[in-house]
C-alpha cells in the first residue's frame, strides 16, 4: 500500500538540521528575541510592531497575555 504522507512530488527546501540545545538562560533569551523580532524584520515585514504579529509569543512574555493557553514560560520548566 502506498503511504500518501511520505510521497513527495517536489522538494522545496534543502534538508538541514540546525537544532541547538538551549542550556543557558542567555541563549534562550537570544533565541526568543530573534523569534519575536523576525516577523517585523525587513525581510518579512508581517507586522508594524512585534507585539502586533498575531502568532507571536511576545505578548505572553512581555505582557502576560495568555491568548495562547498552551504556552509555558521557559522559567517554569
PDB file of N, CA and C in Angstrom:
ATOM      1  N   UNK A   1       0.843  -1.198   0.000  1.00  0.00           N
ATOM      2  CA  UNK A   1       0.000   0.000   0.000  1.00  0.00           C
ATOM      3  C   UNK A   1       0.877   1.247   0.000  1.00  0.00           C
ATOM      4  N   UNK A   2       0.544   2.223  -0.795  1.00  0.00           N
ATOM      5  CA  UNK A   2       1.309   3.456  -0.908  1.00  0.00           C
ATOM      6  C   UNK A   2       1.053   4.360   0.295  1.00  0.00           C
ATOM      7  N   UNK A   3       2.112   4.797   0.938  1.00  0.00           N
ATOM      8  CA  UNK A   3       1.977   5.727   2.069  1.00  0.00           C
ATOM      9  C   UNK A   3       1.903   7.137   1.518  1.00  0.00           C
ATOM     10  N   UNK A   4       0.713   7.706   1.482  1.00  0.00           N
ATOM     11  CA  UNK A   4       0.478   9.033   0.889  1.00  0.00           C
ATOM     12  C   UNK A   4       1.272  10.117   1.621  1.00  0.00           C
ATOM     13  N   UNK A   5       1.428  10.003   2.931  1.00  0.00           N
ATOM     14  CA  UNK A   5       2.110  11.039   3.697  1.00  0.00           C
ATOM     15  C   UNK A   5       3.592  11.135   3.368  1.00  0.00           C
ATOM     16  N   UNK A   6       4.205  10.060   2.934  1.00  0.00           N
ATOM     17  CA  UNK A   6       5.638  10.104   2.641  1.00  0.00           C
ATOM     18  C   UNK A   6       5.929  10.343   1.158  1.00  0.00           C
ATOM     19  N   UNK A   7       4.917  10.422   0.336  1.00  0.00           N
ATOM     20  CA  UNK A   7       5.078  10.634  -1.096  1.00  0.00           C
ATOM     21  C   UNK A   7       5.264  12.120  -1.391  1.00  0.00           C
ATOM     22  N   UNK A   8       6.345  12.475  -2.101  1.00  0.00           N
ATOM     23  CA  UNK A   8       6.619  13.872  -2.440  1.00  0.00           C
ATOM     24  C   UNK A   8       6.761  14.018  -3.948  1.00  0.00           C
ATOM     25  N   UNK A   9       6.115  15.026  -4.479  1.00  0.00           N
ATOM     26  CA  UNK A   9       6.270  15.327  -5.901  1.00  0.00           C
ATOM     27  C   UNK A   9       7.443  16.253  -6.145  1.00  0.00           C
ATOM     28  N   UNK A  10       7.632  17.221  -5.231  1.00  0.00           N
ATOM     29  CA  UNK A  10       8.671  18.228  -5.401  1.00  0.00           C
ATOM     30  C   UNK A  10       9.376  18.454  -4.075  1.00  0.00           C
ATOM     31  N   UNK A  11      10.641  18.743  -4.150  1.00  0.00           N
ATOM     32  CA  UNK A  11      11.403  19.095  -2.963  1.00  0.00           C
ATOM     33  C   UNK A  11      11.612  20.605  -2.996  1.00  0.00           C
ATOM     34  N   UNK A  12      11.091  21.315  -1.995  1.00  0.00           N
ATOM     35  CA  UNK A  12      11.148  22.768  -1.980  1.00  0.00           C
ATOM     36  C   UNK A  12      12.365  23.264  -1.218  1.00  0.00           C
ATOM     37  N   UNK A  13      12.661  22.638  -0.078  1.00  0.00           N
ATOM     38  CA  UNK A  13      13.757  23.090   0.767  1.00  0.00           C
ATOM     39  C   UNK A  13      14.862  22.044   0.832  1.00  0.00           C
ATOM     40  N   UNK A  14      16.074  22.512   0.944  1.00  0.00           N
ATOM     41  CA  UNK A  14      17.211  21.636   1.150  1.00  0.00           C
ATOM     42  C   UNK A  14      17.142  21.101   2.576  1.00  0.00           C
ATOM     43  N   UNK A  15      17.337  19.809   2.729  1.00  0.00           N
ATOM     44  CA  UNK A  15      17.282  19.193   4.047  1.00  0.00           C
ATOM     45  C   UNK A  15      18.423  19.731   4.920  1.00  0.00           C
ATOM     46  N   UNK A  16      18.081  20.116   6.137  1.00  0.00           N
ATOM     47  CA  UNK A  16      19.099  20.587   7.076  1.00  0.00           C
ATOM     48  C   UNK A  16      18.604  20.359   8.496  1.00  0.00           C
ATOM     49  N   UNK A  17      19.516  20.379   9.422  1.00  0.00           N
ATOM     50  CA  UNK A  17      19.174  20.181  10.824  1.00  0.00           C
ATOM     51  C   UNK A  17      20.093  21.060  11.653  1.00  0.00           C
ATOM     52  N   UNK A  18      19.542  22.141  12.211  1.00  0.00           N
ATOM     53  CA  UNK A  18      20.340  23.107  12.961  1.00  0.00           C
ATOM     54  C   UNK A  18      19.965  23.125  14.442  1.00  0.00           C
ATOM     55  N   UNK A  19      19.446  22.053  14.932  1.00  0.00           N
ATOM     56  CA  UNK A  19      18.972  22.019  16.318  1.00  0.00           C
ATOM     57  C   UNK A  19      20.116  22.313  17.290  1.00  0.00           C
ATOM     58  N   UNK A  20      19.842  23.208  18.224  1.00  0.00           N
ATOM     59  CA  UNK A  20      20.828  23.548  19.256  1.00  0.00           C
ATOM     60  C   UNK A  20      20.132  23.422  20.603  1.00  0.00           C
ATOM     61  N   UNK A  21      20.794  22.819  21.539  1.00  0.00           N
ATOM     62  CA  UNK A  21      20.251  22.645  22.877  1.00  0.00           C
ATOM     63  C   UNK A  21      20.268  23.978  23.622  1.00  0.00           C
ATOM     64  N   UNK A  22      19.137  24.366  24.159  1.00  0.00           N
ATOM     65  CA  UNK A  22      19.019  25.622  24.903  1.00  0.00           C
ATOM     66  C   UNK A  22      19.359  25.351  26.362  1.00  0.00           C
ATOM     67  N   UNK A  23      20.612  25.504  26.707  1.00  0.00           N
ATOM     68  CA  UNK A  23      21.076  25.151  28.053  1.00  0.00           C
ATOM     69  C   UNK A  23      21.215  26.350  28.988  1.00  0.00           C
ATOM     70  N   UNK A  24      21.379  27.540  28.439  1.00  0.00           N
ATOM     71  CA  UNK A  24      21.570  28.704  29.301  1.00  0.00           C
ATOM     72  C   UNK A  24      20.435  29.700  29.095  1.00  0.00           C
ATOM     73  N   UNK A  25      20.151  30.471  30.116  1.00  0.00           N
ATOM     74  CA  UNK A  25      19.110  31.488  30.016  1.00  0.00           C
ATOM     75  C   UNK A  25      19.482  32.539  28.970  1.00  0.00           C
ATOM     76  N   UNK A  26      20.745  32.873  28.877  1.00  0.00           N
ATOM     77  CA  UNK A  26      21.203  33.841  27.881  1.00  0.00           C
ATOM     78  C   UNK A  26      20.883  33.360  26.472  1.00  0.00           C
ATOM     79  N   UNK A  27      21.148  32.088  26.209  1.00  0.00           N
ATOM     80  CA  UNK A  27      20.881  31.520  24.886  1.00  0.00           C
ATOM     81  C   UNK A  27      19.381  31.478  24.606  1.00  0.00           C
ATOM     82  N   UNK A  28      18.583  31.094  25.593  1.00  0.00           N
ATOM     83  CA  UNK A  28      17.129  31.056  25.436  1.00  0.00           C
ATOM     84  C   UNK A  28      16.598  32.450  25.126  1.00  0.00           C
ATOM     85  N   UNK A  29      17.047  33.445  25.864  1.00  0.00           N
ATOM     86  CA  UNK A  29      16.600  34.823  25.626  1.00  0.00           C
ATOM     87  C   UNK A  29      17.007  35.302  24.237  1.00  0.00           C
ATOM     88  N   UNK A  30      18.203  34.926  23.810  1.00  0.00           N
ATOM     89  CA  UNK A  30      18.674  35.302  22.477  1.00  0.00           C
ATOM     90  C   UNK A  30      17.761  34.710  21.406  1.00  0.00           C
ATOM     91  N   UNK A  31      17.381  33.454  21.556  1.00  0.00           N
ATOM     92  CA  UNK A  31      16.525  32.806  20.564  1.00  0.00           C
ATOM     93  C   UNK A  31      15.111  33.383  20.591  1.00  0.00           C
ATOM     94  N   UNK A  32      14.581  33.669  21.775  1.00  0.00           N
ATOM     95  CA  UNK A  32      13.264  34.303  21.865  1.00  0.00           C
ATOM     96  C   UNK A  32      13.271  35.683  21.226  1.00  0.00           C
ATOM     97  N   UNK A  33      14.310  36.430  21.469  1.00  0.00           N
ATOM     98  CA  UNK A  33      14.439  37.773  20.880  1.00  0.00           C
ATOM     99  C   UNK A  33      14.444  37.680  19.353  1.00  0.00           C
ATOM    100  N   UNK A  34      15.176  36.725  18.837  1.00  0.00           N
ATOM    101  CA  UNK A  34      15.219  36.516  17.388  1.00  0.00           C
ATOM    102  C   UNK A  34      13.828  36.172  16.860  1.00  0.00           C
ATOM    103  N   UNK A  35      13.156  35.205  17.513  1.00  0.00           N
ATOM    104  CA  UNK A  35      11.820  34.799  17.071  1.00  0.00           C
ATOM    105  C   UNK A  35      10.819  35.943  17.155  1.00  0.00           C
ATOM    106  N   UNK A  36      10.921  36.748  18.186  1.00  0.00           N
ATOM    107  CA  UNK A  36       9.975  37.848  18.367  1.00  0.00           C
ATOM    108  C   UNK A  36      10.230  39.000  17.390  1.00  0.00           C
ATOM    109  N   UNK A  37      11.457  39.187  16.984  1.00  0.00           N
ATOM    110  CA  UNK A  37      11.783  40.263  16.046  1.00  0.00           C
ATOM    111  C   UNK A  37      11.661  39.850  14.583  1.00  0.00           C
ATOM    112  N   UNK A  38      11.687  38.568  14.314  1.00  0.00           N
ATOM    113  CA  UNK A  38      11.683  38.080  12.944  1.00  0.00           C
ATOM    114  C   UNK A  38      10.473  38.559  12.134  1.00  0.00           C
ATOM    115  N   UNK A  39       9.235  38.508  12.659  1.00  0.00           N
ATOM    116  CA  UNK A  39       8.083  38.945  11.851  1.00  0.00           C
ATOM    117  C   UNK A  39       8.100  40.431  11.477  1.00  0.00           C
ATOM    118  N   UNK A  40       8.852  41.246  12.199  1.00  0.00           N
ATOM    119  CA  UNK A  40       8.899  42.677  11.886  1.00  0.00           C
ATOM    120  C   UNK A  40      10.194  43.070  11.181  1.00  0.00           C
ATOM    121  N   UNK A  41      11.002  42.087  10.869  1.00  0.00           N
ATOM    122  CA  UNK A  41      12.264  42.387  10.187  1.00  0.00           C
ATOM    123  C   UNK A  41      11.981  42.826   8.759  1.00  0.00           C
ATOM    124  N   UNK A  42      12.931  43.486   8.168  1.00  0.00           N
ATOM    125  CA  UNK A  42      12.782  43.997   6.812  1.00  0.00           C
ATOM    126  C   UNK A  42      12.431  42.928   5.805  1.00  0.00           C
ATOM    127  N   UNK A  43      12.952  41.733   6.004  1.00  0.00           N
ATOM    128  CA  UNK A  43      12.697  40.663   5.041  1.00  0.00           C
ATOM    129  C   UNK A  43      11.245  40.210   5.073  1.00  0.00           C
ATOM    130  N   UNK A  44      10.682  40.050   6.255  1.00  0.00           N
ATOM    131  CA  UNK A  44       9.321  39.524   6.380  1.00  0.00           C
ATOM    132  C   UNK A  44       8.282  40.638   6.463  1.00  0.00           C
ATOM    133  N   UNK A  45       8.502  41.587   7.329  1.00  0.00           N
ATOM    134  CA  UNK A  45       7.599  42.730   7.487  1.00  0.00           C
ATOM    135  C   UNK A  45       6.127  42.301   7.592  1.00  0.00           C
ATOM    136  N   UNK A  46       5.833  41.390   8.536  1.00  0.00           N
ATOM    137  CA  UNK A  46       4.479  40.864   8.716  1.00  0.00           C
ATOM    138  C   UNK A  46       3.642  41.707   9.671  1.00  0.00           C
ATOM    139  N   UNK A  47       4.286  42.616  10.394  1.00  0.00           N
ATOM    140  CA  UNK A  47       3.571  43.497  11.322  1.00  0.00           C
ATOM    141  C   UNK A  47       4.404  44.752  11.532  1.00  0.00           C
ATOM    142  N   UNK A  48       3.721  45.815  11.969  1.00  0.00           N
ATOM    143  CA  UNK A  48       4.424  47.077  12.223  1.00  0.00           C
ATOM    144  C   UNK A  48       5.270  46.998  13.493  1.00  0.00           C
ATOM    145  N   UNK A  49       4.760  46.304  14.501  1.00  0.00           N
ATOM    146  CA  UNK A  49       5.473  46.136  15.760  1.00  0.00           C
ATOM    147  C   UNK A  49       5.394  44.676  16.163  1.00  0.00           C
ATOM    148  N   UNK A  50       6.411  44.202  16.855  1.00  0.00           N
ATOM    149  CA  UNK A  50       6.495  42.772  17.142  1.00  0.00           C
ATOM    150  C   UNK A  50       5.330  42.253  17.960  1.00  0.00           C
ATOM    151  N   UNK A  51       4.768  43.024  18.851  1.00  0.00           N
ATOM    152  CA  UNK A  51       3.652  42.538  19.649  1.00  0.00           C
ATOM    153  C   UNK A  51       2.335  42.556  18.869  1.00  0.00           C
ATOM    154  N   UNK A  52       2.339  43.145  17.665  1.00  0.00           N
ATOM    155  CA  UNK A  52       1.131  43.158  16.836  1.00  0.00           C
ATOM    156  C   UNK A  52       1.042  41.952  15.908  1.00  0.00           C
ATOM    157  N   UNK A  53       2.093  41.178  15.818  1.00  0.00           N
ATOM    158  CA  UNK A  53       2.043  39.965  14.999  1.00  0.00           C
ATOM    159  C   UNK A  53       1.221  38.910  15.743  1.00  0.00           C
ATOM    160  N   UNK A  54       0.107  38.519  15.164  1.00  0.00           N
ATOM    161  CA  UNK A  54      -0.883  37.677  15.836  1.00  0.00           C
ATOM    162  C   UNK A  54      -0.307  36.376  16.396  1.00  0.00           C
ATOM    163  N   UNK A  55       0.608  35.746  15.717  1.00  0.00           N
ATOM    164  CA  UNK A  55       1.070  34.412  16.097  1.00  0.00           C
ATOM    165  C   UNK A  55       2.351  34.425  16.926  1.00  0.00           C
ATOM    166  N   UNK A  56       2.710  35.558  17.458  1.00  0.00           N
ATOM    167  CA  UNK A  56       3.935  35.674  18.241  1.00  0.00           C
ATOM    168  C   UNK A  56       3.666  35.410  19.723  1.00  0.00           C
ATOM    169  N   UNK A  57       4.652  34.863  20.401  1.00  0.00           N
ATOM    170  CA  UNK A  57       4.562  34.667  21.856  1.00  0.00           C
ATOM    171  C   UNK A  57       5.074  35.891  22.618  1.00  0.00           C
ATOM    172  N   UNK A  58       5.421  36.953  21.915  1.00  0.00           N
ATOM    173  CA  UNK A  58       5.978  38.134  22.571  1.00  0.00           C
ATOM    174  C   UNK A  58       4.999  38.728  23.593  1.00  0.00           C
ATOM    175  N   UNK A  59       3.716  38.701  23.294  1.00  0.00           N
ATOM    176  CA  UNK A  59       2.733  39.245  24.251  1.00  0.00           C
ATOM    177  C   UNK A  59       2.666  38.384  25.510  1.00  0.00           C
ATOM    178  N   UNK A  60       2.863  37.103  25.357  1.00  0.00           N
ATOM    179  CA  UNK A  60       2.901  36.197  26.501  1.00  0.00           C
ATOM    180  C   UNK A  60       4.053  36.560  27.433  1.00  0.00           C
ATOM    181  N   UNK A  61       5.230  36.773  26.865  1.00  0.00           N
ATOM    182  CA  UNK A  61       6.421  37.060  27.665  1.00  0.00           C
ATOM    183  C   UNK A  61       6.470  38.490  28.186  1.00  0.00           C
ATOM    184  N   UNK A  62       6.027  39.447  27.408  1.00  0.00           N
ATOM    185  CA  UNK A  62       6.170  40.846  27.809  1.00  0.00           C
ATOM    186  C   UNK A  62       4.947  41.423  28.525  1.00  0.00           C
ATOM    187  N   UNK A  63       3.750  40.863  28.231  1.00  0.00           N
ATOM    188  CA  UNK A  63       2.531  41.456  28.789  1.00  0.00           C
ATOM    189  C   UNK A  63       1.663  40.454  29.555  1.00  0.00           C
ATOM    190  N   UNK A  64       2.177  39.249  29.783  1.00  0.00           N
ATOM    191  CA  UNK A  64       1.419  38.186  30.453  1.00  0.00           C
ATOM    192  C   UNK A  64       0.076  37.927  29.780  1.00  0.00           C
ATOM    193  N   UNK A  65       0.053  37.973  28.464  1.00  0.00           N
ATOM    194  CA  UNK A  65      -1.148  37.709  27.682  1.00  0.00           C
ATOM    195  C   UNK A  65      -1.242  36.196  27.467  1.00  0.00           C
ATOM    196  N   UNK A  66      -2.339  35.594  27.895  1.00  0.00           N
ATOM    197  CA  UNK A  66      -2.498  34.143  27.816  1.00  0.00           C
ATOM    198  C   UNK A  66      -3.452  33.729  26.696  1.00  0.00           C
ATOM    199  N   UNK A  67      -3.458  34.486  25.605  1.00  0.00           N
ATOM    200  CA  UNK A  67      -4.300  34.123  24.458  1.00  0.00           C
ATOM    201  C   UNK A  67      -3.975  32.716  23.981  1.00  0.00           C
ATOM    202  N   UNK A  68      -2.700  32.383  23.950  1.00  0.00           N
ATOM    203  CA  UNK A  68      -2.262  31.037  23.567  1.00  0.00           C
ATOM    204  C   UNK A  68      -2.037  30.254  24.858  1.00  0.00           C
ATOM    205  N   UNK A  69      -3.068  29.572  25.317  1.00  0.00           N
ATOM    206  CA  UNK A  69      -3.017  28.920  26.620  1.00  0.00           C
ATOM    207  C   UNK A  69      -2.114  27.693  26.673  1.00  0.00           C
ATOM    208  N   UNK A  70      -1.535  27.307  25.557  1.00  0.00           N
ATOM    209  CA  UNK A  70      -0.642  26.158  25.532  1.00  0.00           C
ATOM    210  C   UNK A  70       0.814  26.542  25.821  1.00  0.00           C
ATOM    211  N   UNK A  71       1.111  27.835  25.892  1.00  0.00           N
ATOM    212  CA  UNK A  71       2.481  28.278  26.132  1.00  0.00           C
ATOM    213  C   UNK A  71       2.890  28.072  27.588  1.00  0.00           C
ATOM    214  N   UNK A  72       4.141  27.759  27.769  1.00  0.00           N
ATOM    215  CA  UNK A  72       4.738  27.641  29.103  1.00  0.00           C
ATOM    216  C   UNK A  72       5.969  28.505  29.126  1.00  0.00           C
ATOM    217  N   UNK A  73       6.097  29.311  30.142  1.00  0.00           N
ATOM    218  CA  UNK A  73       7.271  30.185  30.264  1.00  0.00           C
ATOM    219  C   UNK A  73       8.518  29.319  30.476  1.00  0.00           C
ATOM    220  N   UNK A  74       9.605  29.698  29.826  1.00  0.00           N
ATOM    221  CA  UNK A  74      10.823  28.908  29.955  1.00  0.00           C
ATOM    222  C   UNK A  74      11.319  28.833  31.399  1.00  0.00           C
ATOM    223  N   UNK A  75      11.007  29.825  32.226  1.00  0.00           N
ATOM    224  CA  UNK A  75      11.432  29.792  33.626  1.00  0.00           C
ATOM    225  C   UNK A  75      10.642  28.770  34.446  1.00  0.00           C
ATOM    226  N   UNK A  76       9.524  28.315  33.921  1.00  0.00           N
ATOM    227  CA  UNK A  76       8.689  27.333  34.626  1.00  0.00           C
ATOM    228  C   UNK A  76       9.054  25.891  34.301  1.00  0.00           C
ATOM    229  N   UNK A  77      10.067  25.725  33.478  1.00  0.00           N
ATOM    230  CA  UNK A  77      10.474  24.353  33.094  1.00  0.00           C
ATOM    231  C   UNK A  77      11.668  23.912  33.919  1.00  0.00           C
TER     232      UNK A  77
END
